[in-house]
């Protein structure tokens, strides 16, 4: 099964099954630009959970490649995946970290399979993080789709 691409808003994931909305966060604890604005508007608890995690709360370290799953509705989670180092390019290198996204998506796949959940996302890592979808999309295919996780990518219309 390939990635399912649709026009729409990833904060309104299709279906009635358990759903996980994945997005890429930075390792500085900054939250306030890009897709997270829509996440915060719909689910303020996801932002609160991220900020608490950054301050030392949570079950996993706050570092590249880690994921926090914040349940925002019954059987709906926002996956705060740390796949961005800093918030600005350094030495011409964008803040996206592909290997961190890969490790995070492996964690998402395990969680999705355990919860029998589908995964929904914008083109993660390709906005403010500066990544290329040709690379991120390949990682999504390898770590989610190839593992049997139904995955939908949303492009705003």
Foldseek 3Di string as FASTA:
>chain_A
DAAAEDADQLVPDDDDAQEEEEAEDALPLDADDDNSVVVCVVAVQVNVVSNVQSVPDDDDHSDQLAWDWDDRDVSYTYIHQHQFYDQQDDPNHFRGHLVSLLSNLLVVQVVCVVRVYAYEYELHCCDSRPDDSVSNSVSCCVRHVVSPHHHYYYDHD
